[in-house]
């Protein structure tokens, strides 16, 4: 049984202009020890998929039309809010995108970490070192800050968030997400706005945490380089659909969906002359009135009338490698 299994998830979001069908049949399965990259352009539904797992999408304006989110066999969409509170921060951890807005500026970092540790300990007291209680929670907070690479963790635990750099604040958020020893970690753009050297340190830390705790990870990012460096598997999203998923090496070296192919062609490399990057014509569809069938069809050079008849089902091209396309790109062919 998979640690996380999302089956045919549909999510609609109401606005003044109408109701947008923002997730359109998401299917994803994450095992322990796997790091899944969730990639796609802004607005494709990556963050909403991650927030749905933690049940942090506000309802209303959102409503789940159908589907299941099974975590360790339990459908999270059927649980009460009290039951979800017992999972968040304990069995399901989340690293939010912006540490500047997700650390409370008026409380010391240690206070925030200790509160999270005490909340997790109410469900699993054994996570706290002796003597337990607030002293044990503080000792655990120092251990986690040290583990994520904060220099002089014992001395800096009483600092405020503004006294840390952006990279250090991101490390604090990672420590906060891991302090409850989660089985599943949702990391939403954990390296946004960080320079490349700090980004490399954060990704190395994340891989080390996966190896130590054996957790499953969903890493949400725009950066295919981050996916290649960190993830074992990748799912490519477009306009609320997962259009391709599989092992990272397979998807990045032999992309089968025209959208994945276009994303990779837009990445600058040493061999591409200046001004020669391939763009993608058209715009992302309006999800209040999406095109029929394949939502990528209006921008796809390979589209036929059959593509607009129905949403293409995901077909497996190789073990673990699936693509939702009636006309997939064959290896070595031009999209």
C-alpha atoms as a PDB file:
ATOM      1  CA  UNK A   1       0.000   0.000   0.000  1.00  0.00           C
ATOM      2  CA  UNK A   2       1.351   3.415  -1.023  1.00  0.00           C
ATOM      3  CA  UNK A   3       2.003   6.030   1.663  1.00  0.00           C
ATOM      4  CA  UNK A   4       0.038   8.641  -0.321  1.00  0.00           C
ATOM      5  CA  UNK A   5      -2.399   7.840  -3.088  1.00  0.00           C
ATOM      6  CA  UNK A   6      -4.404  10.540  -4.868  1.00  0.00           C
ATOM      7  CA  UNK A   7      -7.155   9.135  -7.060  1.00  0.00           C
ATOM      8  CA  UNK A   8      -9.150  11.111  -9.643  1.00  0.00           C
ATOM      9  CA  UNK A   9      -9.107  14.321  -7.586  1.00  0.00           C
ATOM     10  CA  UNK A  10     -11.277  17.168  -8.896  1.00  0.00           C
ATOM     11  CA  UNK A  11     -11.272  20.579  -7.227  1.00  0.00           C
ATOM     12  CA  UNK A  12     -13.336  23.612  -8.188  1.00  0.00           C
ATOM     13  CA  UNK A  13     -12.716  27.157  -6.958  1.00  0.00           C
ATOM     14  CA  UNK A  14     -15.449  29.798  -6.992  1.00  0.00           C
ATOM     15  CA  UNK A  15     -14.680  33.415  -7.905  1.00  0.00           C
ATOM     16  CA  UNK A  16     -16.595  36.521  -8.985  1.00  0.00           C
ATOM     17  CA  UNK A  17     -16.188  35.429 -12.619  1.00  0.00           C
ATOM     18  CA  UNK A  18     -17.468  31.894 -12.093  1.00  0.00           C
ATOM     19  CA  UNK A  19     -16.292  28.498 -10.939  1.00  0.00           C
ATOM     20  CA  UNK A  20     -12.873  27.340 -12.134  1.00  0.00           C
ATOM     21  CA  UNK A  21     -12.170  23.616 -12.391  1.00  0.00           C
ATOM     22  CA  UNK A  22      -8.598  23.911 -11.108  1.00  0.00           C
ATOM     23  CA  UNK A  23      -7.773  20.220 -10.529  1.00  0.00           C
ATOM     24  CA  UNK A  24      -9.061  17.913 -13.217  1.00  0.00           C
ATOM     25  CA  UNK A  25      -8.582  14.282 -12.207  1.00  0.00           C
ATOM     26  CA  UNK A  26      -5.225  14.168 -10.376  1.00  0.00           C
ATOM     27  CA  UNK A  27      -3.700  10.702  -9.910  1.00  0.00           C
ATOM     28  CA  UNK A  28      -0.473  10.331  -7.929  1.00  0.00           C
ATOM     29  CA  UNK A  29       1.075   7.609  -5.774  1.00  0.00           C
ATOM     30  CA  UNK A  30       4.010   8.218  -3.390  1.00  0.00           C
ATOM     31  CA  UNK A  31       5.891   5.451  -1.556  1.00  0.00           C
ATOM     32  CA  UNK A  32       8.114   5.828   1.499  1.00  0.00           C
ATOM     33  CA  UNK A  33      11.614   6.916   0.514  1.00  0.00           C
ATOM     34  CA  UNK A  34      10.455   8.420  -2.806  1.00  0.00           C
ATOM     35  CA  UNK A  35      10.890  12.093  -3.689  1.00  0.00           C
ATOM     36  CA  UNK A  36       8.314  13.195  -6.249  1.00  0.00           C
ATOM     37  CA  UNK A  37       8.823  16.455  -8.106  1.00  0.00           C
ATOM     38  CA  UNK A  38       5.615  18.267  -9.090  1.00  0.00           C
ATOM     39  CA  UNK A  39       6.421  20.702 -11.895  1.00  0.00           C
ATOM     40  CA  UNK A  40       4.564  23.016 -14.256  1.00  0.00           C
ATOM     41  CA  UNK A  41       4.009  26.689 -14.947  1.00  0.00           C
ATOM     42  CA  UNK A  42       2.351  29.111 -12.533  1.00  0.00           C
ATOM     43  CA  UNK A  43      -1.356  28.407 -12.043  1.00  0.00           C
ATOM     44  CA  UNK A  44      -1.275  24.755 -13.107  1.00  0.00           C
ATOM     45  CA  UNK A  45      -2.421  23.475  -9.692  1.00  0.00           C
ATOM     46  CA  UNK A  46       0.826  22.308  -8.071  1.00  0.00           C
ATOM     47  CA  UNK A  47       0.417  24.161  -4.788  1.00  0.00           C
ATOM     48  CA  UNK A  48      -3.310  23.378  -4.611  1.00  0.00           C
ATOM     49  CA  UNK A  49      -2.475  19.681  -4.936  1.00  0.00           C
ATOM     50  CA  UNK A  50      -0.019  19.952  -2.035  1.00  0.00           C
ATOM     51  CA  UNK A  51      -2.422  21.997   0.092  1.00  0.00           C
ATOM     52  CA  UNK A  52      -5.183  19.481  -0.629  1.00  0.00           C
ATOM     53  CA  UNK A  53      -3.117  16.706   0.960  1.00  0.00           C
ATOM     54  CA  UNK A  54      -2.909  18.754   4.171  1.00  0.00           C
ATOM     55  CA  UNK A  55      -6.554  19.829   3.792  1.00  0.00           C
ATOM     56  CA  UNK A  56      -5.519  23.493   3.893  1.00  0.00           C
ATOM     57  CA  UNK A  57      -7.560  24.632   0.872  1.00  0.00           C
ATOM     58  CA  UNK A  58     -10.337  26.892   2.226  1.00  0.00           C
ATOM     59  CA  UNK A  59     -13.844  25.577   1.611  1.00  0.00           C
ATOM     60  CA  UNK A  60     -15.635  27.655   0.486  1.00  0.00           C
ATOM     61  CA  UNK A  61     -14.594  29.039  -2.015  1.00  0.00           C
ATOM     62  CA  UNK A  62     -13.130  25.638  -2.905  1.00  0.00           C
ATOM     63  CA  UNK A  63     -15.060  22.392  -3.190  1.00  0.00           C
ATOM     64  CA  UNK A  64     -13.910  18.874  -3.970  1.00  0.00           C
ATOM     65  CA  UNK A  65     -16.120  17.512  -6.727  1.00  0.00           C
ATOM     66  CA  UNK A  66     -14.869  13.923  -6.582  1.00  0.00           C
ATOM     67  CA  UNK A  67     -11.830  11.799  -5.817  1.00  0.00           C
ATOM     68  CA  UNK A  68      -9.843  10.454  -2.879  1.00  0.00           C
ATOM     69  CA  UNK A  69      -6.649  11.407  -1.047  1.00  0.00           C
ATOM     70  CA  UNK A  70      -5.535   8.275   0.793  1.00  0.00           C
ATOM     71  CA  UNK A  71      -2.770   8.628   3.350  1.00  0.00           C
ATOM     72  CA  UNK A  72      -1.647   5.330   4.854  1.00  0.00           C
ATOM     73  CA  UNK A  73      -4.982   3.851   3.750  1.00  0.00           C
ATOM     74  CA  UNK A  74      -7.261   6.579   5.177  1.00  0.00           C
ATOM     75  CA  UNK A  75      -9.174   8.957   2.906  1.00  0.00           C
ATOM     76  CA  UNK A  76      -8.241  12.407   4.181  1.00  0.00           C
ATOM     77  CA  UNK A  77     -11.277  14.009   2.545  1.00  0.00           C
ATOM     78  CA  UNK A  78     -13.568  12.078   4.886  1.00  0.00           C
ATOM     79  CA  UNK A  79     -11.755  13.008   8.130  1.00  0.00           C
ATOM     80  CA  UNK A  80     -12.956  15.673  10.540  1.00  0.00           C
ATOM     81  CA  UNK A  81     -10.921  18.824  11.123  1.00  0.00           C
ATOM     82  CA  UNK A  82      -9.947  17.501  14.569  1.00  0.00           C
ATOM     83  CA  UNK A  83      -8.623  14.290  12.994  1.00  0.00           C
ATOM     84  CA  UNK A  84      -6.667  16.314  10.417  1.00  0.00           C
ATOM     85  CA  UNK A  85      -5.107  18.392  13.196  1.00  0.00           C
ATOM     86  CA  UNK A  86      -3.794  15.130  14.613  1.00  0.00           C
ATOM     87  CA  UNK A  87      -1.979  14.459  11.316  1.00  0.00           C
ATOM     88  CA  UNK A  88      -0.656  17.902  10.387  1.00  0.00           C
ATOM     89  CA  UNK A  89       2.789  18.626  11.758  1.00  0.00           C
ATOM     90  CA  UNK A  90       3.039  15.072  13.081  1.00  0.00           C
ATOM     91  CA  UNK A  91       2.572  12.561  10.273  1.00  0.00           C
ATOM     92  CA  UNK A  92       2.216  15.118   7.462  1.00  0.00           C
ATOM     93  CA  UNK A  93       4.763  17.938   7.437  1.00  0.00           C
ATOM     94  CA  UNK A  94       4.709  20.990   5.175  1.00  0.00           C
ATOM     95  CA  UNK A  95       7.378  23.470   4.141  1.00  0.00           C
ATOM     96  CA  UNK A  96       5.659  26.605   2.892  1.00  0.00           C
ATOM     97  CA  UNK A  97       6.974  28.708   0.056  1.00  0.00           C
ATOM     98  CA  UNK A  98       7.962  31.963   1.784  1.00  0.00           C
ATOM     99  CA  UNK A  99       9.731  31.837   5.157  1.00  0.00           C
ATOM    100  CA  UNK A 100       9.293  35.592   5.532  1.00  0.00           C
ATOM    101  CA  UNK A 101       5.513  35.264   5.811  1.00  0.00           C
ATOM    102  CA  UNK A 102       5.349  31.824   7.424  1.00  0.00           C
ATOM    103  CA  UNK A 103       7.437  32.570  10.497  1.00  0.00           C
ATOM    104  CA  UNK A 104       5.722  34.844  13.006  1.00  0.00           C
ATOM    105  CA  UNK A 105       7.947  37.936  13.319  1.00  0.00           C
ATOM    106  CA  UNK A 106       6.884  38.747  16.894  1.00  0.00           C
ATOM    107  CA  UNK A 107       7.878  35.379  18.393  1.00  0.00           C
ATOM    108  CA  UNK A 108      11.363  33.979  18.825  1.00  0.00           C
ATOM    109  CA  UNK A 109      12.272  31.071  16.566  1.00  0.00           C
ATOM    110  CA  UNK A 110      12.651  28.797  19.600  1.00  0.00           C
ATOM    111  CA  UNK A 111       9.163  29.613  20.860  1.00  0.00           C
ATOM    112  CA  UNK A 112       7.654  28.632  17.513  1.00  0.00           C
ATOM    113  CA  UNK A 113       9.653  25.392  17.290  1.00  0.00           C
ATOM    114  CA  UNK A 114       8.883  24.412  20.898  1.00  0.00           C
ATOM    115  CA  UNK A 115       5.136  24.924  20.311  1.00  0.00           C
ATOM    116  CA  UNK A 116       5.262  22.611  17.273  1.00  0.00           C
ATOM    117  CA  UNK A 117       7.287  20.019  19.203  1.00  0.00           C
ATOM    118  CA  UNK A 118       4.849  20.062  22.141  1.00  0.00           C
ATOM    119  CA  UNK A 119       1.885  19.664  19.780  1.00  0.00           C
ATOM    120  CA  UNK A 120       3.555  16.658  18.122  1.00  0.00           C
ATOM    121  CA  UNK A 121       4.491  15.186  21.524  1.00  0.00           C
ATOM    122  CA  UNK A 122       0.848  15.170  22.625  1.00  0.00           C
ATOM    123  CA  UNK A 123       0.341  12.472  19.987  1.00  0.00           C
ATOM    124  CA  UNK A 124       3.744  10.776  20.324  1.00  0.00           C
ATOM    125  CA  UNK A 125       5.499  11.609  23.639  1.00  0.00           C
ATOM    126  CA  UNK A 126       8.552   9.520  22.723  1.00  0.00           C
ATOM    127  CA  UNK A 127       9.825  12.126  20.271  1.00  0.00           C
ATOM    128  CA  UNK A 128      10.907  14.381  23.166  1.00  0.00           C
ATOM    129  CA  UNK A 129      14.262  13.712  24.825  1.00  0.00           C
ATOM    130  CA  UNK A 130      14.426  13.547  28.636  1.00  0.00           C
ATOM    131  CA  UNK A 131      13.158  15.182  30.772  1.00  0.00           C
ATOM    132  CA  UNK A 132      10.222  15.764  28.393  1.00  0.00           C
ATOM    133  CA  UNK A 133       7.830  18.684  28.682  1.00  0.00           C
ATOM    134  CA  UNK A 134       8.921  22.159  27.593  1.00  0.00           C
ATOM    135  CA  UNK A 135      12.586  21.485  28.459  1.00  0.00           C
ATOM    136  CA  UNK A 136      12.561  18.356  26.309  1.00  0.00           C
ATOM    137  CA  UNK A 137      10.814  20.223  23.494  1.00  0.00           C
ATOM    138  CA  UNK A 138      13.478  22.956  23.627  1.00  0.00           C
ATOM    139  CA  UNK A 139      16.243  20.331  23.514  1.00  0.00           C
ATOM    140  CA  UNK A 140      14.580  18.746  20.474  1.00  0.00           C
ATOM    141  CA  UNK A 141      14.292  22.167  18.807  1.00  0.00           C
ATOM    142  CA  UNK A 142      18.027  22.759  19.293  1.00  0.00           C
ATOM    143  CA  UNK A 143      18.768  19.292  17.865  1.00  0.00           C
ATOM    144  CA  UNK A 144      16.665  20.003  14.762  1.00  0.00           C
ATOM    145  CA  UNK A 145      18.223  23.439  14.215  1.00  0.00           C
ATOM    146  CA  UNK A 146      21.634  21.836  14.451  1.00  0.00           C
ATOM    147  CA  UNK A 147      20.563  19.053  12.064  1.00  0.00           C
ATOM    148  CA  UNK A 148      19.443  21.536   9.403  1.00  0.00           C
ATOM    149  CA  UNK A 149      22.751  23.381   9.616  1.00  0.00           C
ATOM    150  CA  UNK A 150      22.071  26.434  11.808  1.00  0.00           C
ATOM    151  CA  UNK A 151      25.460  27.416  13.312  1.00  0.00           C
ATOM    152  CA  UNK A 152      25.452  27.725  17.121  1.00  0.00           C
ATOM    153  CA  UNK A 153      21.877  26.407  17.299  1.00  0.00           C
ATOM    154  CA  UNK A 154      21.765  26.586  21.102  1.00  0.00           C
ATOM    155  CA  UNK A 155      22.775  30.236  21.006  1.00  0.00           C
ATOM    156  CA  UNK A 156      20.501  31.282  18.151  1.00  0.00           C
ATOM    157  CA  UNK A 157      17.299  29.532  19.196  1.00  0.00           C
ATOM    158  CA  UNK A 158      16.162  32.675  21.039  1.00  0.00           C
ATOM    159  CA  UNK A 159      16.699  34.959  18.030  1.00  0.00           C
ATOM    160  CA  UNK A 160      13.779  36.469  16.102  1.00  0.00           C
ATOM    161  CA  UNK A 161      13.153  35.529  12.427  1.00  0.00           C
ATOM    162  CA  UNK A 162      14.453  38.891  11.145  1.00  0.00           C
ATOM    163  CA  UNK A 163      17.864  38.077  12.657  1.00  0.00           C
ATOM    164  CA  UNK A 164      18.279  35.177  10.218  1.00  0.00           C
ATOM    165  CA  UNK A 165      19.114  35.359   6.508  1.00  0.00           C
ATOM    166  CA  UNK A 166      16.636  34.076   3.916  1.00  0.00           C
ATOM    167  CA  UNK A 167      18.449  30.750   3.621  1.00  0.00           C
ATOM    168  CA  UNK A 168      18.592  30.340   7.389  1.00  0.00           C
ATOM    169  CA  UNK A 169      14.880  31.118   7.732  1.00  0.00           C
ATOM    170  CA  UNK A 170      14.192  28.442   5.146  1.00  0.00           C
ATOM    171  CA  UNK A 171      16.223  26.004   7.247  1.00  0.00           C
ATOM    172  CA  UNK A 172      14.128  26.955  10.281  1.00  0.00           C
ATOM    173  CA  UNK A 173      10.957  26.133   8.311  1.00  0.00           C
ATOM    174  CA  UNK A 174      12.450  22.766   7.348  1.00  0.00           C
ATOM    175  CA  UNK A 175      13.290  22.097  11.019  1.00  0.00           C
ATOM    176  CA  UNK A 176       9.718  23.009  11.943  1.00  0.00           C
ATOM    177  CA  UNK A 177       8.317  20.635   9.297  1.00  0.00           C
ATOM    178  CA  UNK A 178      10.577  17.765  10.415  1.00  0.00           C
ATOM    179  CA  UNK A 179      10.390  18.176  14.187  1.00  0.00           C
ATOM    180  CA  UNK A 180       7.364  15.871  14.432  1.00  0.00           C
ATOM    181  CA  UNK A 181       9.144  13.118  12.428  1.00  0.00           C
ATOM    182  CA  UNK A 182       6.541  13.148   9.586  1.00  0.00           C
ATOM    183  CA  UNK A 183       5.951  10.185   7.307  1.00  0.00           C
ATOM    184  CA  UNK A 184       5.091  12.534   4.421  1.00  0.00           C
ATOM    185  CA  UNK A 185       6.607  15.933   3.635  1.00  0.00           C
ATOM    186  CA  UNK A 186       5.030  18.460   1.250  1.00  0.00           C
ATOM    187  CA  UNK A 187       7.703  20.985   0.219  1.00  0.00           C
ATOM    188  CA  UNK A 188       6.224  23.939  -1.697  1.00  0.00           C
ATOM    189  CA  UNK A 189       9.007  25.779  -3.540  1.00  0.00           C
ATOM    190  CA  UNK A 190      11.470  25.401  -0.640  1.00  0.00           C
ATOM    191  CA  UNK A 191      14.304  27.095  -2.573  1.00  0.00           C
ATOM    192  CA  UNK A 192      12.405  30.109  -3.956  1.00  0.00           C
ATOM    193  CA  UNK A 193      14.451  33.342  -3.953  1.00  0.00           C
ATOM    194  CA  UNK A 194      17.579  31.604  -2.622  1.00  0.00           C
ATOM    195  CA  UNK A 195      20.926  31.916  -4.378  1.00  0.00           C
ATOM    196  CA  UNK A 196      22.273  28.791  -6.068  1.00  0.00           C
ATOM    197  CA  UNK A 197      24.784  27.916  -3.342  1.00  0.00           C
ATOM    198  CA  UNK A 198      22.147  28.074  -0.571  1.00  0.00           C
ATOM    199  CA  UNK A 199      19.712  26.214  -2.833  1.00  0.00           C
ATOM    200  CA  UNK A 200      22.230  23.402  -3.245  1.00  0.00           C
ATOM    201  CA  UNK A 201      22.688  23.204   0.536  1.00  0.00           C
ATOM    202  CA  UNK A 202      18.905  23.051   1.121  1.00  0.00           C
ATOM    203  CA  UNK A 203      18.430  20.298  -1.472  1.00  0.00           C
ATOM    204  CA  UNK A 204      21.333  18.292  -0.061  1.00  0.00           C
ATOM    205  CA  UNK A 205      19.780  18.651   3.395  1.00  0.00           C
ATOM    206  CA  UNK A 206      16.390  17.504   2.109  1.00  0.00           C
ATOM    207  CA  UNK A 207      17.882  14.370   0.548  1.00  0.00           C
ATOM    208  CA  UNK A 208      19.735  13.611   3.784  1.00  0.00           C
ATOM    209  CA  UNK A 209      16.506  13.942   5.786  1.00  0.00           C
ATOM    210  CA  UNK A 210      14.725  11.541   3.413  1.00  0.00           C
ATOM    211  CA  UNK A 211      17.536   9.010   3.843  1.00  0.00           C
ATOM    212  CA  UNK A 212      17.477   9.352   7.644  1.00  0.00           C
ATOM    213  CA  UNK A 213      13.707   9.333   8.247  1.00  0.00           C
ATOM    214  CA  UNK A 214      12.556   7.215   5.256  1.00  0.00           C
ATOM    215  CA  UNK A 215       9.694   9.598   4.533  1.00  0.00           C
ATOM    216  CA  UNK A 216       7.913  10.254   1.260  1.00  0.00           C
ATOM    217  CA  UNK A 217       8.285  13.740  -0.229  1.00  0.00           C
ATOM    218  CA  UNK A 218       6.300  15.810  -2.728  1.00  0.00           C
ATOM    219  CA  UNK A 219       8.562  18.648  -3.915  1.00  0.00           C
ATOM    220  CA  UNK A 220       6.681  21.435  -5.715  1.00  0.00           C
ATOM    221  CA  UNK A 221       8.881  23.512  -8.011  1.00  0.00           C
ATOM    222  CA  UNK A 222       9.189  25.327 -11.338  1.00  0.00           C
ATOM    223  CA  UNK A 223      12.813  24.304 -11.674  1.00  0.00           C
ATOM    224  CA  UNK A 224      13.542  21.151 -13.669  1.00  0.00           C
ATOM    225  CA  UNK A 225      17.183  21.400 -12.580  1.00  0.00           C
ATOM    226  CA  UNK A 226      16.059  21.021  -8.957  1.00  0.00           C
ATOM    227  CA  UNK A 227      13.990  17.997  -9.977  1.00  0.00           C
ATOM    228  CA  UNK A 228      16.935  16.388 -11.777  1.00  0.00           C
ATOM    229  CA  UNK A 229      19.199  16.965  -8.773  1.00  0.00           C
ATOM    230  CA  UNK A 230      16.834  15.920  -5.983  1.00  0.00           C
ATOM    231  CA  UNK A 231      13.890  13.790  -7.079  1.00  0.00           C
ATOM    232  CA  UNK A 232      13.473  10.110  -7.855  1.00  0.00           C
ATOM    233  CA  UNK A 233      10.205  10.647  -9.764  1.00  0.00           C
ATOM    234  CA  UNK A 234       8.488  13.579 -11.469  1.00  0.00           C
ATOM    235  CA  UNK A 235       4.910  14.505 -12.378  1.00  0.00           C
ATOM    236  CA  UNK A 236       4.358  17.265 -14.953  1.00  0.00           C
ATOM    237  CA  UNK A 237       1.197  19.354 -14.555  1.00  0.00           C
ATOM    238  CA  UNK A 238      -0.635  21.511 -17.065  1.00  0.00           C
ATOM    239  CA  UNK A 239      -3.880  23.406 -16.368  1.00  0.00           C
ATOM    240  CA  UNK A 240      -5.003  21.128 -13.556  1.00  0.00           C
ATOM    241  CA  UNK A 241      -3.954  17.834 -15.160  1.00  0.00           C
ATOM    242  CA  UNK A 242      -0.939  15.577 -14.639  1.00  0.00           C
ATOM    243  CA  UNK A 243       0.080  15.057 -18.249  1.00  0.00           C
ATOM    244  CA  UNK A 244       3.169  12.894 -17.659  1.00  0.00           C
ATOM    245  CA  UNK A 245       4.712  11.085 -14.711  1.00  0.00           C
ATOM    246  CA  UNK A 246       7.491   8.595 -14.121  1.00  0.00           C
ATOM    247  CA  UNK A 247      11.117   8.156 -13.035  1.00  0.00           C
ATOM    248  CA  UNK A 248      13.115  11.368 -13.350  1.00  0.00           C
ATOM    249  CA  UNK A 249      15.744   9.939 -15.701  1.00  0.00           C
ATOM    250  CA  UNK A 250      13.099   8.544 -18.048  1.00  0.00           C
ATOM    251  CA  UNK A 251      10.924  11.660 -18.194  1.00  0.00           C
ATOM    252  CA  UNK A 252      13.801  14.144 -18.556  1.00  0.00           C
ATOM    253  CA  UNK A 253      15.767  12.168 -21.154  1.00  0.00           C
ATOM    254  CA  UNK A 254      12.821  10.814 -23.164  1.00  0.00           C
ATOM    255  CA  UNK A 255       9.803  13.123 -22.603  1.00  0.00           C
ATOM    256  CA  UNK A 256       6.662  11.740 -24.193  1.00  0.00           C
ATOM    257  CA  UNK A 257       4.105  14.523 -23.734  1.00  0.00           C
ATOM    258  CA  UNK A 258       4.451  17.525 -26.094  1.00  0.00           C
ATOM    259  CA  UNK A 259       4.203  19.885 -23.102  1.00  0.00           C
ATOM    260  CA  UNK A 260       7.063  18.180 -21.245  1.00  0.00           C
ATOM    261  CA  UNK A 261       9.045  18.240 -24.481  1.00  0.00           C
ATOM    262  CA  UNK A 262       8.392  21.991 -24.838  1.00  0.00           C
ATOM    263  CA  UNK A 263       9.446  22.692 -21.235  1.00  0.00           C
ATOM    264  CA  UNK A 264      12.767  20.944 -21.760  1.00  0.00           C
ATOM    265  CA  UNK A 265      13.402  22.725 -25.085  1.00  0.00           C
ATOM    266  CA  UNK A 266      12.953  26.079 -23.306  1.00  0.00           C
ATOM    267  CA  UNK A 267      15.861  25.408 -20.929  1.00  0.00           C
ATOM    268  CA  UNK A 268      19.078  27.208 -21.993  1.00  0.00           C
ATOM    269  CA  UNK A 269      22.114  24.974 -22.444  1.00  0.00           C
ATOM    270  CA  UNK A 270      25.663  25.578 -23.629  1.00  0.00           C
ATOM    271  CA  UNK A 271      24.879  24.268 -27.094  1.00  0.00           C
ATOM    272  CA  UNK A 272      21.922  26.592 -27.724  1.00  0.00           C
ATOM    273  CA  UNK A 273      22.865  29.892 -29.425  1.00  0.00           C
ATOM    274  CA  UNK A 274      21.563  33.160 -28.009  1.00  0.00           C
ATOM    275  CA  UNK A 275      17.963  33.823 -29.044  1.00  0.00           C
ATOM    276  CA  UNK A 276      17.381  30.245 -30.214  1.00  0.00           C
ATOM    277  CA  UNK A 277      15.295  28.966 -27.279  1.00  0.00           C
ATOM    278  CA  UNK A 278      12.035  27.396 -28.413  1.00  0.00           C
ATOM    279  CA  UNK A 279       8.947  29.143 -27.073  1.00  0.00           C
ATOM    280  CA  UNK A 280       5.451  27.742 -26.716  1.00  0.00           C
ATOM    281  CA  UNK A 281       2.736  29.619 -28.645  1.00  0.00           C
ATOM    282  CA  UNK A 282      -0.582  30.498 -27.092  1.00  0.00           C
ATOM    283  CA  UNK A 283      -1.588  30.999 -23.458  1.00  0.00           C
ATOM    284  CA  UNK A 284      -2.767  28.894 -20.526  1.00  0.00           C
ATOM    285  CA  UNK A 285      -6.532  28.263 -20.880  1.00  0.00           C
ATOM    286  CA  UNK A 286      -9.152  29.948 -18.738  1.00  0.00           C
ATOM    287  CA  UNK A 287     -10.164  27.251 -16.255  1.00  0.00           C
ATOM    288  CA  UNK A 288     -13.634  28.756 -15.811  1.00  0.00           C
ATOM    289  CA  UNK A 289     -14.325  27.777 -19.419  1.00  0.00           C
ATOM    290  CA  UNK A 290     -11.571  25.288 -20.319  1.00  0.00           C
ATOM    291  CA  UNK A 291     -11.243  23.803 -23.807  1.00  0.00           C
ATOM    292  CA  UNK A 292     -12.889  20.411 -24.309  1.00  0.00           C
ATOM    293  CA  UNK A 293     -10.821  17.244 -24.121  1.00  0.00           C
ATOM    294  CA  UNK A 294      -7.081  17.748 -23.708  1.00  0.00           C
ATOM    295  CA  UNK A 295      -6.478  21.194 -22.211  1.00  0.00           C
ATOM    296  CA  UNK A 296      -3.129  21.437 -23.987  1.00  0.00           C
ATOM    297  CA  UNK A 297      -4.638  20.802 -27.436  1.00  0.00           C
ATOM    298  CA  UNK A 298      -5.031  24.508 -28.437  1.00  0.00           C
ATOM    299  CA  UNK A 299      -1.239  24.971 -28.042  1.00  0.00           C
ATOM    300  CA  UNK A 300      -0.153  21.574 -29.367  1.00  0.00           C
ATOM    301  CA  UNK A 301       1.202  21.094 -32.906  1.00  0.00           C
ATOM    302  CA  UNK A 302       0.327  17.381 -32.759  1.00  0.00           C
ATOM    303  CA  UNK A 303      -3.348  17.854 -31.798  1.00  0.00           C
ATOM    304  CA  UNK A 304      -6.133  16.292 -33.886  1.00  0.00           C
ATOM    305  CA  UNK A 305      -9.930  16.314 -33.634  1.00  0.00           C
ATOM    306  CA  UNK A 306      -9.757  13.262 -31.371  1.00  0.00           C
ATOM    307  CA  UNK A 307      -7.847  15.301 -28.763  1.00  0.00           C
ATOM    308  CA  UNK A 308     -10.856  17.553 -28.163  1.00  0.00           C
ATOM    309  CA  UNK A 309     -13.379  14.716 -27.850  1.00  0.00           C
ATOM    310  CA  UNK A 310     -12.386  13.638 -24.317  1.00  0.00           C
ATOM    311  CA  UNK A 311      -9.619  14.027 -21.744  1.00  0.00           C
ATOM    312  CA  UNK A 312      -6.899  11.547 -22.802  1.00  0.00           C
ATOM    313  CA  UNK A 313      -6.406   8.757 -20.262  1.00  0.00           C
ATOM    314  CA  UNK A 314      -2.938   8.141 -18.852  1.00  0.00           C
ATOM    315  CA  UNK A 315      -1.307   5.303 -20.767  1.00  0.00           C
ATOM    316  CA  UNK A 316       1.813   3.510 -19.548  1.00  0.00           C
ATOM    317  CA  UNK A 317       4.651   3.623 -22.098  1.00  0.00           C
ATOM    318  CA  UNK A 318       7.139   1.798 -19.873  1.00  0.00           C
ATOM    319  CA  UNK A 319       7.057   0.490 -16.294  1.00  0.00           C
ATOM    320  CA  UNK A 320       6.154   3.482 -14.115  1.00  0.00           C
ATOM    321  CA  UNK A 321       6.186   5.953 -17.045  1.00  0.00           C
ATOM    322  CA  UNK A 322       2.689   7.177 -18.009  1.00  0.00           C
ATOM    323  CA  UNK A 323       1.563   9.947 -20.367  1.00  0.00           C
ATOM    324  CA  UNK A 324      -1.899  11.422 -20.932  1.00  0.00           C
ATOM    325  CA  UNK A 325      -1.640  12.018 -24.689  1.00  0.00           C
ATOM    326  CA  UNK A 326      -3.125  10.430 -27.814  1.00  0.00           C
ATOM    327  CA  UNK A 327      -0.058  11.378 -29.863  1.00  0.00           C
ATOM    328  CA  UNK A 328       2.982  11.032 -27.587  1.00  0.00           C
ATOM    329  CA  UNK A 329       6.422  12.097 -28.732  1.00  0.00           C
ATOM    330  CA  UNK A 330       8.606   9.118 -29.512  1.00  0.00           C
ATOM    331  CA  UNK A 331      12.220   9.152 -28.333  1.00  0.00           C
ATOM    332  CA  UNK A 332      14.376  11.206 -30.661  1.00  0.00           C
ATOM    333  CA  UNK A 333      11.393  12.708 -32.503  1.00  0.00           C
ATOM    334  CA  UNK A 334      10.518  16.413 -32.729  1.00  0.00           C
ATOM    335  CA  UNK A 335       7.358  17.529 -30.937  1.00  0.00           C
END
